[in-house]
N, C-alpha and C. Protein backbone atom coordinates (compact mmCIF):
# COMPACT_ATOMS: atom_id res chain seq x y z
N MET A 1 -25.53 45.90 93.29
CA MET A 1 -24.69 44.66 92.87
C MET A 1 -23.37 45.01 93.15
N LYS A 2 -22.41 44.19 94.04
CA LYS A 2 -20.88 44.28 93.88
C LYS A 2 -20.22 43.56 92.89
N ALA A 3 -19.25 44.42 92.36
CA ALA A 3 -18.58 43.39 91.33
C ALA A 3 -17.06 43.90 91.52
N VAL A 4 -15.93 43.26 91.12
CA VAL A 4 -14.75 43.04 91.20
C VAL A 4 -14.37 43.38 89.82
N ILE A 5 -13.64 44.61 89.40
CA ILE A 5 -13.02 45.10 88.02
C ILE A 5 -11.89 43.96 87.95
N VAL A 6 -11.77 43.55 86.63
CA VAL A 6 -11.12 42.36 86.03
C VAL A 6 -10.30 42.67 85.06
N ALA A 7 -10.48 43.61 84.22
CA ALA A 7 -9.72 44.14 82.89
C ALA A 7 -10.07 45.27 82.48
N LYS A 8 -9.47 46.09 81.94
CA LYS A 8 -9.55 47.30 81.23
C LYS A 8 -8.72 47.27 80.12
N THR A 9 -9.67 47.41 78.95
CA THR A 9 -9.20 47.25 77.43
C THR A 9 -9.20 48.45 76.67
N ARG A 10 -7.87 48.93 76.02
CA ARG A 10 -7.68 49.96 75.25
C ARG A 10 -8.52 49.62 73.63
N MET A 11 -9.40 50.34 73.49
CA MET A 11 -10.53 50.22 71.92
C MET A 11 -10.15 51.45 71.66
N LYS A 12 -9.35 52.09 70.91
CA LYS A 12 -8.94 53.26 69.92
C LYS A 12 -8.94 54.23 71.16
N GLN A 13 -9.92 55.15 71.29
CA GLN A 13 -9.52 56.40 72.22
C GLN A 13 -10.52 56.03 73.73
N ASN A 14 -11.27 54.98 73.80
CA ASN A 14 -11.81 54.71 74.88
C ASN A 14 -11.58 53.61 75.46
N ILE A 15 -12.30 52.97 76.58
CA ILE A 15 -11.94 51.62 77.60
C ILE A 15 -13.14 50.93 77.79
N CYS A 16 -12.80 49.86 77.31
CA CYS A 16 -13.72 48.62 77.65
C CYS A 16 -13.65 48.28 79.04
N VAL A 17 -14.52 47.91 80.22
CA VAL A 17 -14.26 47.31 81.23
C VAL A 17 -14.93 46.53 81.65
N GLY A 18 -13.92 45.39 82.10
CA GLY A 18 -14.29 43.89 82.45
C GLY A 18 -14.70 43.77 83.68
N ALA A 19 -15.52 42.94 84.36
CA ALA A 19 -15.93 42.77 85.94
C ALA A 19 -16.54 41.50 86.16
N VAL A 20 -16.32 41.03 87.21
CA VAL A 20 -16.99 39.97 87.82
C VAL A 20 -17.90 39.95 88.58
N ASP A 21 -19.37 39.66 88.76
CA ASP A 21 -20.19 40.11 89.90
C ASP A 21 -19.75 39.28 91.13
N ALA A 22 -19.63 39.71 92.46
CA ALA A 22 -19.05 39.06 93.48
C ALA A 22 -19.70 38.35 93.99
N ASP A 23 -21.02 37.98 93.72
CA ASP A 23 -21.82 37.14 94.48
C ASP A 23 -22.07 36.16 93.29
N THR A 24 -22.08 36.19 92.36
CA THR A 24 -22.66 35.10 91.43
C THR A 24 -21.50 34.68 90.52
N GLY A 25 -20.59 35.01 90.23
CA GLY A 25 -19.58 35.05 89.40
C GLY A 25 -19.72 34.87 87.85
N ASP A 26 -20.86 35.74 87.66
CA ASP A 26 -21.35 36.06 86.29
C ASP A 26 -20.19 37.14 85.50
N LEU A 27 -19.85 37.26 84.69
CA LEU A 27 -18.81 37.84 83.84
C LEU A 27 -19.86 39.22 83.35
N LEU A 28 -19.34 40.07 83.32
CA LEU A 28 -19.79 41.26 82.81
C LEU A 28 -18.78 42.38 81.78
N ARG A 29 -19.67 43.11 81.18
CA ARG A 29 -18.80 43.77 80.30
C ARG A 29 -19.52 45.36 80.82
N LEU A 30 -18.81 45.97 81.44
CA LEU A 30 -19.34 47.59 81.80
C LEU A 30 -19.48 48.56 80.78
N ILE A 31 -21.22 48.84 80.26
CA ILE A 31 -21.36 50.28 79.35
C ILE A 31 -21.94 51.36 79.88
N LEU A 32 -21.95 52.59 79.83
CA LEU A 32 -22.60 53.47 80.34
C LEU A 32 -23.71 53.64 79.55
N ARG A 33 -25.12 53.18 80.64
CA ARG A 33 -26.22 53.43 79.74
C ARG A 33 -26.73 54.64 78.79
N SER A 34 -25.86 55.79 79.52
CA SER A 34 -26.03 57.18 78.72
C SER A 34 -25.29 56.86 77.32
N ASP A 35 -24.37 56.22 76.96
CA ASP A 35 -23.58 56.08 76.06
C ASP A 35 -23.95 54.99 75.18
N ALA A 36 -24.87 54.20 75.40
CA ALA A 36 -24.74 53.15 75.01
C ALA A 36 -24.96 52.86 73.47
N LYS A 37 -25.84 54.04 73.02
CA LYS A 37 -25.75 54.19 71.42
C LYS A 37 -24.84 54.96 70.80
N LYS A 38 -23.84 55.29 71.79
CA LYS A 38 -22.88 56.14 70.85
C LYS A 38 -21.38 55.06 70.61
N GLY A 39 -21.58 53.89 71.34
CA GLY A 39 -20.42 52.90 70.97
C GLY A 39 -20.17 52.28 72.31
N TYR A 40 -19.87 51.23 71.91
CA TYR A 40 -19.94 50.01 72.91
C TYR A 40 -18.64 50.28 74.13
N TYR A 41 -17.64 51.12 73.89
CA TYR A 41 -16.72 51.41 74.70
C TYR A 41 -16.27 52.68 75.23
N SER A 42 -17.47 53.00 75.80
CA SER A 42 -17.63 54.69 76.28
C SER A 42 -17.05 55.42 77.50
N TRP A 43 -16.41 54.25 78.00
CA TRP A 43 -15.44 55.21 79.02
C TRP A 43 -14.23 55.65 78.40
N GLN A 44 -14.17 57.00 78.61
CA GLN A 44 -13.23 57.79 78.38
C GLN A 44 -11.91 57.57 79.36
N GLU A 45 -12.68 57.63 80.63
CA GLU A 45 -11.97 57.68 81.99
C GLU A 45 -12.69 56.65 82.47
N PHE A 46 -11.86 55.62 83.48
CA PHE A 46 -12.35 54.74 84.61
C PHE A 46 -11.75 54.84 85.77
N ASN A 47 -11.77 55.48 86.84
CA ASN A 47 -10.63 55.45 88.22
C ASN A 47 -10.90 54.55 88.78
N ALA A 48 -11.54 53.46 88.73
CA ALA A 48 -11.31 52.30 89.50
C ALA A 48 -10.23 51.43 88.97
N ASN A 49 -9.54 50.77 89.62
CA ASN A 49 -8.14 49.80 89.09
C ASN A 49 -8.60 48.35 89.12
N ILE A 50 -7.53 47.49 88.31
CA ILE A 50 -8.05 45.92 88.49
C ILE A 50 -7.95 45.56 89.64
N GLY A 51 -9.14 44.79 90.36
CA GLY A 51 -8.81 44.28 91.88
C GLY A 51 -9.85 45.22 92.67
N ASP A 52 -10.47 46.35 91.95
CA ASP A 52 -11.24 47.00 92.81
C ASP A 52 -12.31 46.42 93.20
N LEU A 53 -13.20 46.31 94.48
CA LEU A 53 -14.47 45.93 94.35
C LEU A 53 -15.35 47.76 94.18
N ILE A 54 -16.63 47.43 93.39
CA ILE A 54 -17.06 48.64 93.46
C ILE A 54 -18.91 48.22 93.56
N ASP A 55 -19.52 49.30 93.80
CA ASP A 55 -21.05 48.86 93.81
C ASP A 55 -21.70 49.33 92.68
N LEU A 56 -22.57 48.59 91.83
CA LEU A 56 -22.89 49.28 90.51
C LEU A 56 -24.74 49.24 90.80
N GLU A 57 -25.30 50.13 89.70
CA GLU A 57 -26.41 50.08 89.79
C GLU A 57 -26.87 50.07 88.21
N GLY A 58 -27.81 49.18 87.69
CA GLY A 58 -27.85 49.32 86.32
C GLY A 58 -28.39 48.05 86.06
N SER A 59 -28.42 47.25 84.71
CA SER A 59 -29.24 45.91 84.38
C SER A 59 -28.40 45.58 82.92
N LYS A 60 -28.73 44.16 82.86
CA LYS A 60 -28.18 43.25 81.90
C LYS A 60 -28.85 44.20 80.66
N ALA A 61 -27.78 44.32 79.64
CA ALA A 61 -28.69 45.08 78.37
C ALA A 61 -29.36 43.94 77.29
N PRO A 62 -30.54 44.72 77.03
CA PRO A 62 -31.25 43.82 76.41
C PRO A 62 -30.65 43.24 74.83
N THR A 63 -31.04 42.03 74.20
CA THR A 63 -30.35 41.86 72.86
C THR A 63 -31.17 42.71 71.88
N PHE A 64 -30.59 43.40 71.33
CA PHE A 64 -31.49 44.54 70.06
C PHE A 64 -30.91 43.66 68.72
N LYS A 65 -31.42 44.35 67.99
CA LYS A 65 -31.06 43.82 66.41
C LYS A 65 -29.36 44.20 66.09
N PRO A 66 -28.73 44.16 64.96
CA PRO A 66 -27.53 44.96 64.96
C PRO A 66 -27.86 45.89 64.32
N PRO A 67 -26.79 47.45 64.94
CA PRO A 67 -25.86 46.99 65.03
C PRO A 67 -25.78 47.12 66.76
N ASP A 68 -26.66 47.08 67.43
CA ASP A 68 -26.56 47.18 68.76
C ASP A 68 -25.95 45.98 69.62
N PHE A 69 -26.81 45.75 70.79
CA PHE A 69 -26.15 44.46 71.35
C PHE A 69 -26.81 43.35 70.82
N GLU A 70 -26.16 42.38 70.57
CA GLU A 70 -26.11 41.08 70.18
C GLU A 70 -25.49 40.18 70.69
N PRO A 71 -25.91 38.93 70.43
CA PRO A 71 -24.96 37.75 70.93
C PRO A 71 -23.70 37.47 69.81
N PRO A 72 -22.45 36.92 70.32
CA PRO A 72 -22.18 36.36 71.78
C PRO A 72 -22.22 37.53 72.98
N HIS A 73 -21.70 39.08 72.67
CA HIS A 73 -21.35 39.94 73.58
C HIS A 73 -22.65 40.28 74.52
N SER A 74 -24.08 40.00 74.01
CA SER A 74 -24.79 40.31 75.05
C SER A 74 -25.03 39.52 76.03
N ALA A 75 -24.65 38.63 76.52
CA ALA A 75 -24.22 37.60 77.62
C ALA A 75 -23.56 38.21 78.85
N GLU A 76 -22.59 39.12 78.47
CA GLU A 76 -21.99 40.06 79.48
C GLU A 76 -22.17 41.60 79.41
N ASP A 77 -22.96 42.17 78.59
CA ASP A 77 -23.14 43.52 78.11
C ASP A 77 -23.92 43.89 79.73
N PHE A 78 -23.56 44.91 80.36
CA PHE A 78 -24.37 45.30 81.29
C PHE A 78 -24.25 47.08 81.29
N LEU A 79 -25.51 47.42 81.69
CA LEU A 79 -25.46 48.90 81.34
C LEU A 79 -25.68 49.41 82.71
N VAL A 80 -24.59 50.36 82.89
CA VAL A 80 -24.29 51.00 83.95
C VAL A 80 -24.76 52.56 84.21
N ASP A 81 -25.96 52.44 85.51
CA ASP A 81 -26.64 54.04 85.63
C ASP A 81 -25.63 54.38 86.66
N LYS A 82 -25.37 54.07 87.52
CA LYS A 82 -24.33 54.67 88.78
C LYS A 82 -23.34 53.52 89.13
N TRP A 83 -22.11 54.16 89.39
CA TRP A 83 -21.39 53.30 90.42
C TRP A 83 -20.46 53.83 91.24
N ARG A 84 -19.70 53.39 92.00
CA ARG A 84 -18.87 53.73 92.99
C ARG A 84 -17.70 52.86 93.81
N ARG A 85 -16.61 53.41 93.87
CA ARG A 85 -15.52 52.69 94.62
C ARG A 85 -16.02 52.35 95.80
N THR A 86 -15.88 51.19 96.51
CA THR A 86 -16.21 50.81 98.07
C THR A 86 -14.89 51.01 99.01
N GLY A 87 -13.95 51.05 98.15
CA GLY A 87 -12.30 51.27 99.12
C GLY A 87 -11.82 49.60 99.63
N GLU A 88 -12.51 48.75 98.92
CA GLU A 88 -12.09 47.43 99.27
C GLU A 88 -11.52 46.91 97.97
N LYS A 89 -10.61 46.16 98.07
CA LYS A 89 -9.54 45.42 96.77
C LYS A 89 -9.40 43.88 97.00
N GLU A 90 -9.47 43.31 96.07
CA GLU A 90 -9.32 41.94 96.15
C GLU A 90 -7.68 41.87 95.87
N LYS A 91 -6.60 41.40 96.43
CA LYS A 91 -5.32 41.40 96.33
C LYS A 91 -4.65 40.19 95.35
N ASP A 92 -5.56 38.88 95.73
CA ASP A 92 -5.06 37.97 95.10
C ASP A 92 -6.28 37.35 93.86
N LEU A 93 -6.26 38.11 92.99
CA LEU A 93 -7.21 37.99 92.04
C LEU A 93 -7.37 36.68 91.15
N SER A 94 -5.97 36.00 91.18
CA SER A 94 -6.10 34.66 90.63
C SER A 94 -6.80 33.38 91.49
N ALA A 95 -6.61 33.54 92.66
CA ALA A 95 -7.46 32.69 94.02
C ALA A 95 -9.06 33.30 93.51
N TRP A 96 -8.94 34.59 93.65
CA TRP A 96 -10.69 35.01 93.57
C TRP A 96 -11.17 34.55 92.39
N ILE A 97 -10.90 34.45 91.14
CA ILE A 97 -11.43 34.13 90.24
C ILE A 97 -11.53 32.73 90.00
N ARG A 98 -10.78 31.85 90.79
CA ARG A 98 -10.34 30.61 90.77
C ARG A 98 -11.75 29.98 91.43
N SER A 99 -12.07 30.68 92.71
CA SER A 99 -13.06 30.28 93.33
C SER A 99 -14.48 30.59 92.87
N ARG A 100 -14.62 31.38 91.68
CA ARG A 100 -16.13 31.83 91.43
C ARG A 100 -16.54 31.75 89.82
N CYS A 101 -15.41 31.12 89.27
CA CYS A 101 -15.65 31.69 87.64
C CYS A 101 -15.16 30.24 87.55
N LEU A 102 -15.64 30.17 86.39
CA LEU A 102 -15.22 28.68 85.32
C LEU A 102 -13.70 29.16 84.59
N ILE A 103 -13.32 27.87 84.40
CA ILE A 103 -11.75 28.18 83.92
C ILE A 103 -11.76 27.10 83.00
N TRP A 104 -11.39 27.46 81.67
CA TRP A 104 -11.13 26.34 80.75
C TRP A 104 -9.81 25.93 81.12
N LYS A 105 -9.70 24.66 80.81
CA LYS A 105 -8.39 24.02 81.03
C LYS A 105 -8.25 23.03 79.78
N GLY A 106 -6.99 23.00 79.14
CA GLY A 106 -6.80 21.97 77.89
C GLY A 106 -6.31 23.01 76.82
N ASP A 107 -6.46 22.47 75.98
CA ASP A 107 -5.40 23.27 74.15
C ASP A 107 -6.65 24.29 73.98
N ARG A 108 -6.40 24.72 72.89
CA ARG A 108 -7.31 25.80 72.11
C ARG A 108 -8.87 25.44 71.82
N SER A 109 -8.88 24.11 71.75
CA SER A 109 -10.59 23.53 71.44
C SER A 109 -11.23 23.51 72.69
N SER A 110 -10.78 23.97 73.81
CA SER A 110 -11.64 24.03 75.14
C SER A 110 -12.00 25.49 75.36
N LEU A 111 -11.62 26.34 74.26
CA LEU A 111 -12.22 27.78 74.47
C LEU A 111 -13.16 28.03 73.79
N PHE A 112 -14.02 28.97 74.26
CA PHE A 112 -15.71 29.27 73.67
C PHE A 112 -16.10 27.98 72.94
N ASP A 113 -16.62 27.00 74.21
CA ASP A 113 -17.41 26.10 73.59
C ASP A 113 -16.95 25.35 72.33
N GLY A 114 -15.46 25.51 72.01
CA GLY A 114 -14.92 24.77 70.82
C GLY A 114 -15.62 25.44 69.22
N LYS A 115 -16.18 26.81 69.60
CA LYS A 115 -16.57 27.01 68.08
C LYS A 115 -15.57 28.19 67.55
N LEU A 116 -14.75 28.14 68.20
CA LEU A 116 -13.41 29.06 67.36
C LEU A 116 -13.00 28.49 66.17
N ARG A 117 -12.92 29.35 65.16
CA ARG A 117 -12.23 29.15 63.76
C ARG A 117 -10.70 29.79 64.04
N PHE A 118 -9.51 28.96 63.39
CA PHE A 118 -8.46 29.54 63.86
C PHE A 118 -7.64 29.79 62.15
N THR A 119 -7.08 30.71 61.99
CA THR A 119 -6.05 30.93 60.82
C THR A 119 -4.63 29.97 61.28
N SER A 120 -3.95 30.04 59.94
CA SER A 120 -2.69 29.08 59.88
C SER A 120 -1.88 29.66 60.92
N TRP A 121 -2.02 30.79 61.03
CA TRP A 121 -0.89 31.21 62.33
C TRP A 121 -1.37 30.97 64.05
N GLY A 122 -2.47 30.53 63.92
CA GLY A 122 -3.25 30.51 65.03
C GLY A 122 -4.27 31.86 65.49
N LYS A 123 -4.77 32.43 64.88
CA LYS A 123 -5.39 33.36 65.45
C LYS A 123 -6.98 33.07 65.45
N GLY A 124 -7.56 33.13 66.89
CA GLY A 124 -8.62 32.65 66.75
C GLY A 124 -10.29 33.78 66.23
N HIS A 125 -11.12 33.02 65.75
CA HIS A 125 -12.29 34.00 65.16
C HIS A 125 -13.30 33.44 65.14
N ILE A 126 -14.52 33.97 64.99
CA ILE A 126 -15.75 33.52 65.08
C ILE A 126 -16.53 34.35 63.74
N ASP A 127 -16.81 33.53 62.47
CA ASP A 127 -17.35 34.53 61.40
C ASP A 127 -18.80 34.73 61.47
N ARG A 128 -19.60 36.02 60.77
CA ARG A 128 -20.98 35.85 60.75
C ARG A 128 -21.55 34.74 60.11
N GLY A 129 -22.52 34.10 60.74
CA GLY A 129 -22.95 32.88 60.46
C GLY A 129 -22.43 31.68 60.97
N ASP A 130 -21.74 31.68 61.97
CA ASP A 130 -21.19 30.50 62.45
C ASP A 130 -21.98 30.11 63.82
N PRO A 131 -22.17 28.92 64.19
CA PRO A 131 -22.53 28.56 65.54
C PRO A 131 -22.07 29.59 66.64
N LEU A 132 -22.56 30.14 67.29
CA LEU A 132 -22.11 30.99 68.56
C LEU A 132 -21.80 30.59 69.98
N PRO A 133 -20.97 30.55 70.63
CA PRO A 133 -20.72 30.56 71.91
C PRO A 133 -21.54 30.85 72.91
N THR A 134 -21.59 30.58 73.65
CA THR A 134 -22.75 31.14 74.87
C THR A 134 -22.08 32.31 75.55
N HIS A 135 -20.97 32.64 75.60
CA HIS A 135 -20.29 33.71 76.00
C HIS A 135 -18.97 34.14 75.30
N SER A 136 -18.84 35.84 75.38
CA SER A 136 -17.80 36.44 74.61
C SER A 136 -16.43 36.42 75.51
N VAL A 137 -16.64 36.23 76.71
CA VAL A 137 -15.57 36.25 77.39
C VAL A 137 -15.27 35.03 78.31
N GLY A 138 -13.97 34.80 78.86
CA GLY A 138 -13.61 33.65 79.71
C GLY A 138 -12.49 33.71 80.04
N PHE A 139 -12.03 32.57 81.14
CA PHE A 139 -10.62 32.65 81.60
C PHE A 139 -10.25 31.30 81.35
N TRP A 140 -8.70 31.26 81.04
CA TRP A 140 -7.83 30.21 80.12
C TRP A 140 -7.04 29.94 81.13
N GLU A 141 -6.63 28.42 81.87
CA GLU A 141 -5.56 28.43 82.39
C GLU A 141 -4.81 27.78 81.33
N LEU A 142 -3.29 28.30 81.45
CA LEU A 142 -2.73 28.03 80.22
C LEU A 142 -1.97 26.78 80.32
N PRO A 143 -1.83 26.07 79.04
CA PRO A 143 -1.36 24.72 79.09
C PRO A 143 0.20 24.62 79.00
N ALA A 144 0.53 25.84 78.32
CA ALA A 144 1.89 25.81 78.04
C ALA A 144 2.24 27.39 77.89
N PRO A 145 3.34 28.02 78.27
CA PRO A 145 3.95 29.08 78.06
C PRO A 145 3.39 29.99 76.72
N LEU A 146 2.96 31.42 76.93
CA LEU A 146 2.73 32.28 75.76
C LEU A 146 4.01 33.45 76.12
N THR A 147 4.54 33.59 74.51
CA THR A 147 5.31 34.29 74.64
C THR A 147 5.12 35.55 73.79
N LEU A 148 5.44 36.93 74.15
CA LEU A 148 5.12 38.21 73.62
C LEU A 148 5.84 38.38 72.33
N LYS A 149 5.18 38.63 71.19
CA LYS A 149 5.52 38.82 69.82
C LYS A 149 4.81 39.61 68.94
N HIS A 150 5.37 40.41 68.41
CA HIS A 150 4.90 41.51 67.32
C HIS A 150 4.33 40.67 66.21
N GLY A 151 2.88 40.72 65.50
CA GLY A 151 2.59 39.75 64.42
C GLY A 151 2.57 40.52 63.10
N PRO A 152 2.05 40.22 62.33
CA PRO A 152 2.36 40.64 60.65
C PRO A 152 1.73 42.21 60.74
N ASP A 153 0.78 42.55 61.60
CA ASP A 153 0.21 43.52 61.62
C ASP A 153 0.81 44.90 62.43
N GLY A 154 1.93 44.14 63.13
CA GLY A 154 2.70 44.91 64.17
C GLY A 154 2.07 45.07 65.22
N LYS A 155 1.12 44.64 65.69
CA LYS A 155 0.50 44.71 67.16
C LYS A 155 0.82 43.57 67.86
N PRO A 156 1.06 43.93 69.29
CA PRO A 156 1.48 42.54 70.05
C PRO A 156 0.54 41.55 70.29
N TYR A 157 1.30 40.53 70.09
CA TYR A 157 0.65 39.13 70.18
C TYR A 157 1.35 38.17 71.39
N TYR A 158 0.40 37.42 71.91
CA TYR A 158 1.14 36.39 72.57
C TYR A 158 0.97 35.15 71.73
N THR A 159 1.84 34.30 71.79
CA THR A 159 2.08 33.17 70.83
C THR A 159 2.61 32.18 71.77
N ALA A 160 2.10 30.90 71.17
CA ALA A 160 2.43 29.38 71.96
C ALA A 160 3.86 29.00 72.06
N VAL A 161 3.95 28.55 73.12
CA VAL A 161 5.47 27.61 73.04
C VAL A 161 5.01 26.42 73.66
N GLY A 162 5.02 25.45 72.71
CA GLY A 162 4.83 23.83 73.26
C GLY A 162 3.29 23.66 73.32
N ILE A 163 2.39 24.44 72.27
CA ILE A 163 0.90 24.21 72.22
C ILE A 163 1.07 23.73 70.60
N THR A 164 0.27 22.76 70.48
CA THR A 164 -0.13 22.11 69.23
C THR A 164 -1.67 21.74 69.19
N PRO A 165 -2.43 22.44 68.44
CA PRO A 165 -2.01 23.18 67.43
C PRO A 165 -1.63 24.78 67.75
N PRO A 166 -1.33 25.63 67.10
CA PRO A 166 -0.61 26.85 67.55
C PRO A 166 -1.86 27.86 67.93
N ILE A 167 -1.16 28.87 68.86
CA ILE A 167 -2.11 29.88 69.10
C ILE A 167 -1.53 31.04 68.93
N ALA A 168 -2.23 32.25 68.57
CA ALA A 168 -1.92 33.61 68.76
C ALA A 168 -2.91 34.46 69.02
N ILE A 169 -2.39 35.25 70.16
CA ILE A 169 -3.87 36.01 70.50
C ILE A 169 -3.32 37.40 70.60
N LYS A 170 -4.14 38.36 70.43
CA LYS A 170 -3.56 39.93 70.08
C LYS A 170 -3.66 40.43 71.71
N TYR A 171 -2.70 41.25 72.10
CA TYR A 171 -2.84 41.72 73.31
C TYR A 171 -3.40 42.97 73.30
N VAL A 172 -4.70 43.53 74.12
CA VAL A 172 -5.31 44.70 73.91
C VAL A 172 -5.59 45.45 75.56
N GLY A 173 -5.09 44.77 76.50
CA GLY A 173 -5.17 45.48 77.83
C GLY A 173 -4.12 46.48 78.04
N VAL A 174 -4.47 47.66 78.99
CA VAL A 174 -3.58 48.93 79.24
C VAL A 174 -2.77 48.48 79.92
N GLY A 175 -2.31 47.72 80.61
CA GLY A 175 -1.07 47.30 81.51
C GLY A 175 0.19 46.89 80.57
N LYS A 176 1.24 47.40 81.23
CA LYS A 176 2.70 46.98 80.57
C LYS A 176 2.60 45.10 79.97
N PRO A 177 2.69 44.95 78.88
CA PRO A 177 2.71 43.40 78.29
C PRO A 177 4.19 42.58 79.28
N GLU A 178 3.89 41.78 79.87
CA GLU A 178 4.81 40.62 80.09
C GLU A 178 5.69 39.96 79.01
N GLU A 179 6.90 39.51 79.04
CA GLU A 179 7.56 38.86 77.78
C GLU A 179 7.21 37.50 77.93
N GLU A 180 6.69 36.97 79.00
CA GLU A 180 6.09 35.41 78.94
C GLU A 180 4.91 35.21 80.09
N LEU A 181 4.07 34.47 79.54
CA LEU A 181 3.27 33.97 80.68
C LEU A 181 3.04 32.59 80.67
N PRO A 182 3.77 32.44 82.11
CA PRO A 182 4.46 30.90 82.47
C PRO A 182 2.98 29.82 82.30
N VAL A 183 3.19 28.49 82.35
CA VAL A 183 2.04 27.47 82.45
C VAL A 183 1.31 27.51 83.88
N GLY A 184 0.21 27.42 83.72
CA GLY A 184 -0.69 27.67 84.94
C GLY A 184 -1.36 29.17 85.12
N ARG A 185 -0.82 30.01 84.63
CA ARG A 185 -1.23 31.06 84.74
C ARG A 185 -2.77 31.49 83.96
N VAL A 186 -3.51 31.94 84.77
CA VAL A 186 -5.04 32.32 84.38
C VAL A 186 -4.99 33.71 83.35
N ILE A 187 -5.49 33.51 82.34
CA ILE A 187 -5.68 34.77 81.46
C ILE A 187 -7.17 34.89 81.25
N ARG A 188 -7.52 36.15 80.88
CA ARG A 188 -8.86 36.63 80.64
C ARG A 188 -8.86 37.01 78.90
N LEU A 189 -9.54 35.89 78.57
CA LEU A 189 -9.69 36.14 77.02
C LEU A 189 -11.43 36.67 76.64
N SER A 190 -11.45 37.28 75.75
CA SER A 190 -12.62 37.95 75.02
C SER A 190 -12.63 38.00 73.44
N LEU A 191 -13.77 37.96 73.02
CA LEU A 191 -14.10 37.83 71.73
C LEU A 191 -14.32 39.36 71.08
N GLY A 192 -13.73 40.29 70.21
CA GLY A 192 -13.82 41.74 69.83
C GLY A 192 -15.49 41.67 69.35
N ARG A 193 -15.83 42.81 69.28
CA ARG A 193 -16.78 43.08 68.50
C ARG A 193 -16.93 42.71 66.90
N TRP A 194 -18.10 42.20 66.52
CA TRP A 194 -18.18 42.31 64.96
C TRP A 194 -17.52 43.40 63.89
N TRP A 195 -16.59 43.10 63.24
CA TRP A 195 -16.02 43.76 62.43
C TRP A 195 -15.52 43.23 61.13
N ALA A 196 -15.23 43.96 59.94
CA ALA A 196 -15.09 43.81 58.88
C ALA A 196 -14.38 44.97 58.49
N PRO A 197 -13.12 44.81 57.33
CA PRO A 197 -12.59 45.96 57.07
C PRO A 197 -13.56 46.42 55.86
N ASP A 198 -13.20 47.65 55.68
CA ASP A 198 -14.22 48.41 54.85
C ASP A 198 -13.98 47.96 53.38
N ASP A 199 -12.62 47.44 53.01
CA ASP A 199 -12.70 47.04 51.78
C ASP A 199 -13.48 45.48 51.41
N GLY A 200 -14.11 44.97 52.19
CA GLY A 200 -14.80 43.75 52.09
C GLY A 200 -14.02 42.66 51.66
N SER A 201 -12.71 42.68 52.09
CA SER A 201 -11.46 41.70 51.84
C SER A 201 -11.49 40.76 52.77
N MET A 202 -12.42 40.60 53.81
CA MET A 202 -12.65 39.69 54.86
C MET A 202 -14.09 39.61 55.39
N PRO A 203 -14.74 38.35 55.93
CA PRO A 203 -15.70 38.42 56.02
C PRO A 203 -15.95 39.27 57.73
N GLU A 204 -17.31 39.39 58.06
CA GLU A 204 -17.34 40.08 59.41
C GLU A 204 -17.26 38.88 60.66
N ALA A 205 -16.18 39.28 61.44
CA ALA A 205 -16.09 38.37 62.19
C ALA A 205 -15.93 38.91 63.63
N CYS A 206 -15.72 38.00 64.89
CA CYS A 206 -15.15 38.42 66.14
C CYS A 206 -13.99 37.65 66.20
N TRP A 207 -12.75 38.57 66.55
CA TRP A 207 -11.53 38.00 66.95
C TRP A 207 -11.33 38.00 68.37
N LEU A 208 -10.18 36.69 68.48
CA LEU A 208 -9.70 36.46 69.92
C LEU A 208 -8.73 37.53 70.50
N GLN A 209 -8.99 38.02 71.62
CA GLN A 209 -8.01 38.90 72.17
C GLN A 209 -7.49 38.55 73.66
N ILE A 210 -6.51 38.93 74.20
CA ILE A 210 -6.44 38.71 75.63
C ILE A 210 -6.19 40.12 76.26
N SER A 211 -6.91 40.48 77.29
CA SER A 211 -7.04 41.29 78.16
C SER A 211 -5.97 41.72 79.31
N GLY A 212 -5.81 40.52 79.95
CA GLY A 212 -4.87 40.58 81.41
C GLY A 212 -4.66 39.03 81.57
N TRP A 213 -3.88 39.01 82.77
CA TRP A 213 -3.33 37.59 83.48
C TRP A 213 -3.45 37.80 84.82
N TYR A 214 -3.86 36.88 85.53
CA TYR A 214 -3.71 36.91 86.90
C TYR A 214 -2.90 35.67 87.59
């Protein structure tokens, strides 16, 4: 399989690698098969860059019972046996993604099959037991600018300017954030893995996050 790297997300000490199948446009989340039971984000180093075309050997991850692979993330999880860079690179990722992938358009209700809940501040999430979307990754064409701010937790968020109802999306990419993402920019959204705080103060949920733009 040939795939194009579209995102690298920092998750604690490891990296989550996002890709798109170059032939089908299917969205992929690359996981080393050898480390699949040790943690979802097993890449400590991944020396391909966003836009690089790679050759992959592996297979889609099966849907196991928790805490292994389960919906909605199993729609994209791909277990990697071997991979290599081809030396080729897609220079215009925005045009490439638009030609191969579904792009959500409209306000926040267009995201993830309309299944997201939102806090009063605009943070999107799905709680355990909610109806699930068919995918945990997708691309959105911004209907209004998003501006970089720091949230109550001190983390970087992109928040709406002129979008009603509001939206606030945590930035988890490895690249330096831009101060503003303009109208019409395509961004990559994903739902984080199921998580709940240890003190039980919140239900287990998948939270909306942004990992890149094109």
